[in-house]
Amino acid sequence: MNTPGSFRHLKIAFILVLSVLALGTIGYMLIENLSLGDALYTTIGMMATAGNVVHPLSEAGRLFTIAVIVLGVGSLLYTFGAGMEFIIEGHLNQAIRRHMMDKKIAALRDHYIICGFGRVGSQIAEDLTAARKPLVVIDDREATAQNCIQRGYLAVLGDATSDDILRAAGIQQAKGVLIATEDDAHNISITLSARHLNGTLYIVSRANHTETEAKLTLAGANSVLSPYTIAGHRMANLALQEGKPL
């Protein structure tokens, strides 16, 4: 994320370049009686120190050209510097934020890792936050990871099936992992990796299909839940209880 200062410098740079272009074009039109196109062509050439002229310049024209070159080169150098500041500052800020995030995650103990930040993962994060439990979100979508950070969650961008990504989320020090992706194959793979990296971890995994539940248990999940099955049971119970709270 770039600071307002870098945006302001970039804006000033563009204004300077356009101002020199306008000043040079008008000046050549008045001093050398050039057409708009020829005056603009000459101004651009002088700013770039290419020396483009459509005909020999008068004494006044040469003096004016010196001013155009000085102002033009100065404005272009300023623009280059502002552009580099904009680019470098953005990458630097990103690196600093990532370093701070890594330090915060490394300091966590007995936290929870949420794999997948869809509707289910988002609700899990809200409930854990309400219970004042520390958590880290893993998601392989950059926009989703950024959304997590904006909402105040610690987040790791990457594929949760990767051991390195799980380690980056502090799997060795975690208390539990909640696997909530919409891909059962991914959920099984994450469960296997998580159990391998931390044998005492409490693993809760989402099963999107009933036939996956047994496989997730064999892979090492302590609890397996199907959001669709739970929702179905809940709706049926509400109907049987005629809307009375259970």
C-alpha atoms as a PDB file:
ATOM      1  CA  MET A   1       0.000   0.000   0.000  1.00  0.00           C
ATOM      2  CA  ASN A   2       1.438   3.356  -1.032  1.00  0.00           C
ATOM      3  CA  THR A   3       1.325   6.384   1.259  1.00  0.00           C
ATOM      4  CA  PRO A   4      -0.494   9.606   0.324  1.00  0.00           C
ATOM      5  CA  GLY A   5       2.935  11.226  -0.078  1.00  0.00           C
ATOM      6  CA  SER A   6       3.945   8.972  -2.956  1.00  0.00           C
ATOM      7  CA  PHE A   7       0.614   9.576  -4.716  1.00  0.00           C
ATOM      8  CA  ARG A   8       1.046  13.312  -4.252  1.00  0.00           C
ATOM      9  CA  HIS A   9       4.575  13.289  -5.681  1.00  0.00           C
ATOM     10  CA  LEU A  10       3.405  11.298  -8.693  1.00  0.00           C
ATOM     11  CA  LYS A  11       0.537  13.720  -9.269  1.00  0.00           C
ATOM     12  CA  ILE A  12       2.883  16.711  -9.055  1.00  0.00           C
ATOM     13  CA  ALA A  13       5.243  15.034 -11.532  1.00  0.00           C
ATOM     14  CA  PHE A  14       2.517  14.588 -14.154  1.00  0.00           C
ATOM     15  CA  ILE A  15       1.368  18.172 -13.657  1.00  0.00           C
ATOM     16  CA  LEU A  16       4.936  19.413 -14.166  1.00  0.00           C
ATOM     17  CA  VAL A  17       5.392  17.446 -17.388  1.00  0.00           C
ATOM     18  CA  LEU A  18       2.062  18.617 -18.791  1.00  0.00           C
ATOM     19  CA  SER A  19       2.839  22.209 -17.777  1.00  0.00           C
ATOM     20  CA  VAL A  20       6.197  22.180 -19.565  1.00  0.00           C
ATOM     21  CA  LEU A  21       4.554  20.638 -22.632  1.00  0.00           C
ATOM     22  CA  ALA A  22       1.875  23.320 -22.669  1.00  0.00           C
ATOM     23  CA  LEU A  23       4.344  26.151 -22.011  1.00  0.00           C
ATOM     24  CA  GLY A  24       6.742  24.945 -24.676  1.00  0.00           C
ATOM     25  CA  THR A  25       4.029  24.445 -27.279  1.00  0.00           C
ATOM     26  CA  ILE A  26       2.517  27.892 -26.716  1.00  0.00           C
ATOM     27  CA  GLY A  27       5.972  29.489 -26.633  1.00  0.00           C
ATOM     28  CA  TYR A  28       7.057  28.034 -29.975  1.00  0.00           C
ATOM     29  CA  MET A  29       3.741  29.006 -31.527  1.00  0.00           C
ATOM     30  CA  LEU A  30       4.239  32.629 -30.399  1.00  0.00           C
ATOM     31  CA  ILE A  31       8.010  32.971 -30.883  1.00  0.00           C
ATOM     32  CA  GLU A  32       8.546  30.869 -34.021  1.00  0.00           C
ATOM     33  CA  ASN A  33       5.042  31.074 -35.524  1.00  0.00           C
ATOM     34  CA  LEU A  34       4.806  27.279 -35.603  1.00  0.00           C
ATOM     35  CA  SER A  35       1.587  25.361 -36.007  1.00  0.00           C
ATOM     36  CA  LEU A  36       0.189  23.498 -33.017  1.00  0.00           C
ATOM     37  CA  GLY A  37       1.497  20.154 -34.275  1.00  0.00           C
ATOM     38  CA  ASP A  38       4.979  21.479 -35.110  1.00  0.00           C
ATOM     39  CA  ALA A  39       5.204  23.339 -31.796  1.00  0.00           C
ATOM     40  CA  LEU A  40       4.226  20.230 -29.817  1.00  0.00           C
ATOM     41  CA  TYR A  41       6.658  18.094 -31.838  1.00  0.00           C
ATOM     42  CA  THR A  42       9.499  20.541 -31.172  1.00  0.00           C
ATOM     43  CA  THR A  43       8.689  20.768 -27.460  1.00  0.00           C
ATOM     44  CA  ILE A  44       8.671  16.998 -26.991  1.00  0.00           C
ATOM     45  CA  GLY A  45      11.954  16.718 -28.867  1.00  0.00           C
ATOM     46  CA  MET A  46      13.604  19.358 -26.715  1.00  0.00           C
ATOM     47  CA  MET A  47      12.298  17.850 -23.465  1.00  0.00           C
ATOM     48  CA  ALA A  48      13.759  14.519 -24.520  1.00  0.00           C
ATOM     49  CA  THR A  49      16.961  16.302 -25.685  1.00  0.00           C
ATOM     50  CA  ALA A  50      16.458  14.816 -29.156  1.00  0.00           C
ATOM     51  CA  GLY A  51      16.767  18.266 -30.742  1.00  0.00           C
ATOM     52  CA  ASN A  52      13.765  18.000 -33.074  1.00  0.00           C
ATOM     53  CA  VAL A  53      13.245  21.284 -34.970  1.00  0.00           C
ATOM     54  CA  VAL A  54      11.169  21.894 -38.079  1.00  0.00           C
ATOM     55  CA  HIS A  55      13.294  24.894 -39.157  1.00  0.00           C
ATOM     56  CA  PRO A  56      16.256  26.921 -37.811  1.00  0.00           C
ATOM     57  CA  LEU A  57      15.358  28.822 -34.655  1.00  0.00           C
ATOM     58  CA  SER A  58      15.672  32.540 -34.082  1.00  0.00           C
ATOM     59  CA  GLU A  59      17.808  33.964 -31.278  1.00  0.00           C
ATOM     60  CA  ALA A  60      14.740  34.240 -29.067  1.00  0.00           C
ATOM     61  CA  GLY A  61      13.757  30.716 -30.061  1.00  0.00           C
ATOM     62  CA  ARG A  62      17.157  29.328 -29.047  1.00  0.00           C
ATOM     63  CA  LEU A  63      17.001  31.042 -25.659  1.00  0.00           C
ATOM     64  CA  PHE A  64      13.484  29.713 -25.164  1.00  0.00           C
ATOM     65  CA  THR A  65      14.699  26.242 -26.159  1.00  0.00           C
ATOM     66  CA  ILE A  66      17.328  26.311 -23.399  1.00  0.00           C
ATOM     67  CA  ALA A  67      14.566  26.989 -20.882  1.00  0.00           C
ATOM     68  CA  VAL A  68      12.420  24.191 -22.340  1.00  0.00           C
ATOM     69  CA  ILE A  69      15.308  21.711 -22.136  1.00  0.00           C
ATOM     70  CA  VAL A  70      16.154  22.616 -18.537  1.00  0.00           C
ATOM     71  CA  LEU A  71      12.537  22.519 -17.386  1.00  0.00           C
ATOM     72  CA  GLY A  72      11.738  19.453 -19.481  1.00  0.00           C
ATOM     73  CA  VAL A  73      14.671  17.357 -18.302  1.00  0.00           C
ATOM     74  CA  GLY A  74      14.040  18.458 -14.722  1.00  0.00           C
ATOM     75  CA  SER A  75      10.368  17.498 -14.863  1.00  0.00           C
ATOM     76  CA  LEU A  76      11.131  14.134 -16.480  1.00  0.00           C
ATOM     77  CA  LEU A  77      13.756  13.334 -13.844  1.00  0.00           C
ATOM     78  CA  TYR A  78      11.295  14.281 -11.118  1.00  0.00           C
ATOM     79  CA  THR A  79       8.668  12.052 -12.751  1.00  0.00           C
ATOM     80  CA  PHE A  80      11.113   9.147 -12.912  1.00  0.00           C
ATOM     81  CA  GLY A  81      11.998   9.607  -9.241  1.00  0.00           C
ATOM     82  CA  ALA A  82       8.353   9.867  -8.210  1.00  0.00           C
ATOM     83  CA  GLY A  83       7.533   6.740 -10.203  1.00  0.00           C
ATOM     84  CA  MET A  84      10.362   4.767  -8.595  1.00  0.00           C
ATOM     85  CA  GLU A  85       9.275   5.996  -5.160  1.00  0.00           C
ATOM     86  CA  PHE A  86       5.722   4.858  -5.883  1.00  0.00           C
ATOM     87  CA  ILE A  87       6.868   1.389  -6.967  1.00  0.00           C
ATOM     88  CA  ILE A  88       9.567   0.811  -4.340  1.00  0.00           C
ATOM     89  CA  GLU A  89       7.490   2.179  -1.474  1.00  0.00           C
ATOM     90  CA  GLY A  90       4.632  -0.134  -2.368  1.00  0.00           C
ATOM     91  CA  HIS A  91       6.878  -3.213  -2.342  1.00  0.00           C
ATOM     92  CA  LEU A  92       8.676  -2.031   0.791  1.00  0.00           C
ATOM     93  CA  ASN A  93       5.420  -1.483   2.669  1.00  0.00           C
ATOM     94  CA  GLN A  94       4.227  -4.908   1.588  1.00  0.00           C
ATOM     95  CA  ALA A  95       7.466  -6.529   2.790  1.00  0.00           C
ATOM     96  CA  ILE A  96       7.275  -4.702   6.130  1.00  0.00           C
ATOM     97  CA  ARG A  97       3.647  -5.744   6.658  1.00  0.00           C
ATOM     98  CA  ARG A  98       4.505  -9.349   5.794  1.00  0.00           C
ATOM     99  CA  HIS A  99       7.442  -9.330   8.239  1.00  0.00           C
ATOM    100  CA  MET A 100       5.271  -7.921  11.034  1.00  0.00           C
ATOM    101  CA  MET A 101       2.585 -10.501  10.273  1.00  0.00           C
ATOM    102  CA  ASP A 102       5.138 -13.328  10.405  1.00  0.00           C
ATOM    103  CA  LYS A 103       6.445 -12.093  13.773  1.00  0.00           C
ATOM    104  CA  LYS A 104       2.934 -11.966  15.235  1.00  0.00           C
ATOM    105  CA  ILE A 105       2.173 -15.485  14.011  1.00  0.00           C
ATOM    106  CA  ALA A 106       5.506 -16.812  15.338  1.00  0.00           C
ATOM    107  CA  ALA A 107       4.634 -15.447  18.787  1.00  0.00           C
ATOM    108  CA  LEU A 108       1.285 -17.267  18.945  1.00  0.00           C
ATOM    109  CA  ARG A 109       0.722 -20.266  21.193  1.00  0.00           C
ATOM    110  CA  ASP A 110      -2.376 -22.484  21.431  1.00  0.00           C
ATOM    111  CA  HIS A 111      -4.024 -20.681  18.537  1.00  0.00           C
ATOM    112  CA  TYR A 112      -6.401 -21.986  15.893  1.00  0.00           C
ATOM    113  CA  ILE A 113      -5.722 -22.245  12.180  1.00  0.00           C
ATOM    114  CA  ILE A 114      -8.610 -21.858   9.741  1.00  0.00           C
ATOM    115  CA  CYS A 115      -7.998 -23.352   6.312  1.00  0.00           C
ATOM    116  CA  GLY A 116     -10.308 -21.777   3.745  1.00  0.00           C
ATOM    117  CA  PHE A 117     -12.085 -18.477   4.244  1.00  0.00           C
ATOM    118  CA  GLY A 118     -15.389 -18.965   2.493  1.00  0.00           C
ATOM    119  CA  ARG A 119     -18.782 -18.656   4.168  1.00  0.00           C
ATOM    120  CA  VAL A 120     -18.023 -21.434   6.640  1.00  0.00           C
ATOM    121  CA  GLY A 121     -14.480 -20.264   7.381  1.00  0.00           C
ATOM    122  CA  SER A 122     -15.650 -16.692   7.819  1.00  0.00           C
ATOM    123  CA  GLN A 123     -18.249 -17.753  10.391  1.00  0.00           C
ATOM    124  CA  ILE A 124     -15.657 -19.821  12.248  1.00  0.00           C
ATOM    125  CA  ALA A 125     -13.377 -16.783  12.438  1.00  0.00           C
ATOM    126  CA  GLU A 126     -16.184 -14.611  13.793  1.00  0.00           C
ATOM    127  CA  ASP A 127     -17.075 -17.162  16.476  1.00  0.00           C
ATOM    128  CA  LEU A 128     -13.463 -17.678  17.559  1.00  0.00           C
ATOM    129  CA  THR A 129     -12.911 -13.929  17.696  1.00  0.00           C
ATOM    130  CA  ALA A 130     -16.047 -13.518  19.809  1.00  0.00           C
ATOM    131  CA  ALA A 131     -14.622 -16.163  22.167  1.00  0.00           C
ATOM    132  CA  ARG A 132     -11.319 -14.216  22.246  1.00  0.00           C
ATOM    133  CA  LYS A 133      -9.354 -17.083  20.734  1.00  0.00           C
ATOM    134  CA  PRO A 134      -6.260 -16.288  18.621  1.00  0.00           C
ATOM    135  CA  LEU A 135      -6.449 -17.479  15.048  1.00  0.00           C
ATOM    136  CA  VAL A 136      -4.644 -17.539  11.723  1.00  0.00           C
ATOM    137  CA  VAL A 137      -6.385 -17.871   8.371  1.00  0.00           C
ATOM    138  CA  ILE A 138      -4.860 -19.707   5.408  1.00  0.00           C
ATOM    139  CA  ASP A 139      -6.301 -19.054   1.957  1.00  0.00           C
ATOM    140  CA  ASP A 140      -4.790 -19.322  -1.516  1.00  0.00           C
ATOM    141  CA  ARG A 141      -6.738 -16.354  -2.940  1.00  0.00           C
ATOM    142  CA  GLU A 142      -4.854 -13.087  -2.605  1.00  0.00           C
ATOM    143  CA  ALA A 143      -7.991 -10.934  -2.476  1.00  0.00           C
ATOM    144  CA  THR A 144      -9.432 -13.143   0.270  1.00  0.00           C
ATOM    145  CA  ALA A 145      -6.212 -13.044   2.292  1.00  0.00           C
ATOM    146  CA  GLN A 146      -6.159  -9.247   2.017  1.00  0.00           C
ATOM    147  CA  ASN A 147      -9.793  -9.159   3.129  1.00  0.00           C
ATOM    148  CA  CYS A 148      -8.866 -11.189   6.210  1.00  0.00           C
ATOM    149  CA  ILE A 149      -6.092  -8.743   7.074  1.00  0.00           C
ATOM    150  CA  GLN A 150      -8.429  -5.778   6.616  1.00  0.00           C
ATOM    151  CA  ARG A 151     -10.853  -7.432   9.028  1.00  0.00           C
ATOM    152  CA  GLY A 152      -8.116  -7.719  11.626  1.00  0.00           C
ATOM    153  CA  TYR A 153      -7.193 -11.388  11.226  1.00  0.00           C
ATOM    154  CA  LEU A 154      -3.700 -12.778  10.865  1.00  0.00           C
ATOM    155  CA  ALA A 155      -3.496 -14.449   7.470  1.00  0.00           C
ATOM    156  CA  VAL A 156      -1.139 -16.529   5.354  1.00  0.00           C
ATOM    157  CA  LEU A 157      -1.493 -16.520   1.579  1.00  0.00           C
ATOM    158  CA  GLY A 158      -0.940 -19.977   0.143  1.00  0.00           C
ATOM    159  CA  ASP A 159      -2.146 -23.537  -0.325  1.00  0.00           C
ATOM    160  CA  ALA A 160      -2.935 -25.155   3.018  1.00  0.00           C
ATOM    161  CA  THR A 161      -1.972 -28.568   1.619  1.00  0.00           C
ATOM    162  CA  SER A 162       1.652 -27.365   1.698  1.00  0.00           C
ATOM    163  CA  ASP A 163       3.660 -28.214   4.817  1.00  0.00           C
ATOM    164  CA  ASP A 164       5.575 -24.941   4.478  1.00  0.00           C
ATOM    165  CA  ILE A 165       2.360 -22.916   4.496  1.00  0.00           C
ATOM    166  CA  LEU A 166       1.096 -24.785   7.550  1.00  0.00           C
ATOM    167  CA  ARG A 167       4.405 -24.118   9.297  1.00  0.00           C
ATOM    168  CA  ALA A 168       4.132 -20.442   8.364  1.00  0.00           C
ATOM    169  CA  ALA A 169       0.774 -20.423  10.177  1.00  0.00           C
ATOM    170  CA  GLY A 170       2.428 -21.855  13.304  1.00  0.00           C
ATOM    171  CA  ILE A 171       1.108 -25.402  13.055  1.00  0.00           C
ATOM    172  CA  GLN A 172       3.607 -26.743  15.632  1.00  0.00           C
ATOM    173  CA  GLN A 173       2.349 -24.340  18.312  1.00  0.00           C
ATOM    174  CA  ALA A 174      -1.333 -24.422  17.336  1.00  0.00           C
ATOM    175  CA  LYS A 175      -4.077 -25.885  19.495  1.00  0.00           C
ATOM    176  CA  GLY A 176      -6.406 -26.778  16.663  1.00  0.00           C
ATOM    177  CA  VAL A 177      -7.011 -26.672  12.934  1.00  0.00           C
ATOM    178  CA  LEU A 178     -10.405 -26.074  11.380  1.00  0.00           C
ATOM    179  CA  ILE A 179     -10.488 -27.151   7.744  1.00  0.00           C
ATOM    180  CA  ALA A 180     -13.307 -25.504   5.825  1.00  0.00           C
ATOM    181  CA  THR A 181     -12.507 -25.587   2.119  1.00  0.00           C
ATOM    182  CA  GLU A 182     -15.112 -26.661  -0.426  1.00  0.00           C
ATOM    183  CA  ASP A 183     -12.816 -29.351  -1.872  1.00  0.00           C
ATOM    184  CA  ASP A 184     -12.929 -32.670  -0.019  1.00  0.00           C
ATOM    185  CA  ALA A 185      -9.666 -33.857  -1.595  1.00  0.00           C
ATOM    186  CA  HIS A 186      -7.968 -30.732  -0.274  1.00  0.00           C
ATOM    187  CA  ASN A 187      -9.516 -31.272   3.147  1.00  0.00           C
ATOM    188  CA  ILE A 188      -8.152 -34.815   3.316  1.00  0.00           C
ATOM    189  CA  SER A 189      -4.697 -33.677   2.212  1.00  0.00           C
ATOM    190  CA  ILE A 190      -4.657 -30.817   4.732  1.00  0.00           C
ATOM    191  CA  THR A 191      -5.754 -33.189   7.492  1.00  0.00           C
ATOM    192  CA  LEU A 192      -2.943 -35.624   6.681  1.00  0.00           C
ATOM    193  CA  SER A 193      -0.334 -32.855   6.618  1.00  0.00           C
ATOM    194  CA  ALA A 194      -1.597 -31.207   9.801  1.00  0.00           C
ATOM    195  CA  ARG A 195      -1.655 -34.502  11.703  1.00  0.00           C
ATOM    196  CA  HIS A 196       1.859 -35.323  10.482  1.00  0.00           C
ATOM    197  CA  LEU A 197       3.220 -31.935  11.602  1.00  0.00           C
ATOM    198  CA  ASN A 198       1.496 -31.917  14.996  1.00  0.00           C
ATOM    199  CA  GLY A 199       0.353 -35.169  16.535  1.00  0.00           C
ATOM    200  CA  THR A 200      -1.499 -33.534  19.443  1.00  0.00           C
ATOM    201  CA  LEU A 201      -3.455 -31.103  17.288  1.00  0.00           C
ATOM    202  CA  TYR A 202      -7.257 -31.114  17.501  1.00  0.00           C
ATOM    203  CA  ILE A 203      -8.504 -31.232  13.910  1.00  0.00           C
ATOM    204  CA  VAL A 204     -12.033 -30.396  12.843  1.00  0.00           C
ATOM    205  CA  SER A 205     -12.704 -30.865   9.147  1.00  0.00           C
ATOM    206  CA  ARG A 206     -15.558 -30.044   6.853  1.00  0.00           C
ATOM    207  CA  ALA A 207     -16.974 -32.846   4.711  1.00  0.00           C
ATOM    208  CA  ASN A 208     -18.867 -31.731   1.653  1.00  0.00           C
ATOM    209  CA  HIS A 209     -19.967 -35.291   0.823  1.00  0.00           C
ATOM    210  CA  THR A 210     -21.019 -37.996   3.274  1.00  0.00           C
ATOM    211  CA  GLU A 211     -18.666 -40.567   1.716  1.00  0.00           C
ATOM    212  CA  THR A 212     -15.710 -38.334   2.640  1.00  0.00           C
ATOM    213  CA  GLU A 213     -16.411 -38.355   6.385  1.00  0.00           C
ATOM    214  CA  ALA A 214     -14.810 -41.760   7.038  1.00  0.00           C
ATOM    215  CA  LYS A 215     -11.751 -40.841   4.958  1.00  0.00           C
ATOM    216  CA  LEU A 216     -11.235 -37.644   6.931  1.00  0.00           C
ATOM    217  CA  THR A 217     -11.418 -39.599  10.182  1.00  0.00           C
ATOM    218  CA  LEU A 218      -8.847 -42.077   8.882  1.00  0.00           C
ATOM    219  CA  ALA A 219      -6.652 -39.157   7.788  1.00  0.00           C
ATOM    220  CA  GLY A 220      -6.516 -37.932  11.377  1.00  0.00           C
ATOM    221  CA  ALA A 221      -9.470 -35.613  11.932  1.00  0.00           C
ATOM    222  CA  ASN A 222     -10.875 -35.645  15.468  1.00  0.00           C
ATOM    223  CA  SER A 223     -14.249 -34.345  14.330  1.00  0.00           C
ATOM    224  CA  VAL A 224     -15.871 -34.276  10.909  1.00  0.00           C
ATOM    225  CA  LEU A 225     -18.861 -32.091  10.173  1.00  0.00           C
ATOM    226  CA  SER A 226     -21.025 -31.629   7.106  1.00  0.00           C
ATOM    227  CA  PRO A 227     -22.581 -28.147   6.965  1.00  0.00           C
ATOM    228  CA  TYR A 228     -25.321 -29.440   4.697  1.00  0.00           C
ATOM    229  CA  THR A 229     -26.196 -32.348   6.994  1.00  0.00           C
ATOM    230  CA  ILE A 230     -26.186 -30.063  10.039  1.00  0.00           C
ATOM    231  CA  ALA A 231     -28.399 -27.531   8.278  1.00  0.00           C
ATOM    232  CA  GLY A 232     -30.785 -30.286   7.207  1.00  0.00           C
ATOM    233  CA  HIS A 233     -31.084 -31.706  10.729  1.00  0.00           C
ATOM    234  CA  ARG A 234     -31.572 -28.227  12.151  1.00  0.00           C
ATOM    235  CA  MET A 235     -34.356 -27.394   9.698  1.00  0.00           C
ATOM    236  CA  ALA A 236     -36.107 -30.714  10.324  1.00  0.00           C
ATOM    237  CA  ASN A 237     -35.911 -30.252  14.105  1.00  0.00           C
ATOM    238  CA  LEU A 238     -37.291 -26.731  13.860  1.00  0.00           C
ATOM    239  CA  ALA A 239     -40.206 -28.007  11.818  1.00  0.00           C
ATOM    240  CA  LEU A 240     -40.866 -30.839  14.272  1.00  0.00           C
ATOM    241  CA  GLN A 241     -40.683 -28.443  17.222  1.00  0.00           C
ATOM    242  CA  GLU A 242     -42.971 -26.006  15.382  1.00  0.00           C
ATOM    243  CA  GLY A 243     -40.397 -23.236  15.520  1.00  0.00           C
ATOM    244  CA  LYS A 244     -39.664 -23.570  19.243  1.00  0.00           C
ATOM    245  CA  PRO A 245     -35.993 -23.110  20.235  1.00  0.00           C
ATOM    246  CA  LEU A 246     -34.195 -26.384  20.760  1.00  0.00           C
END
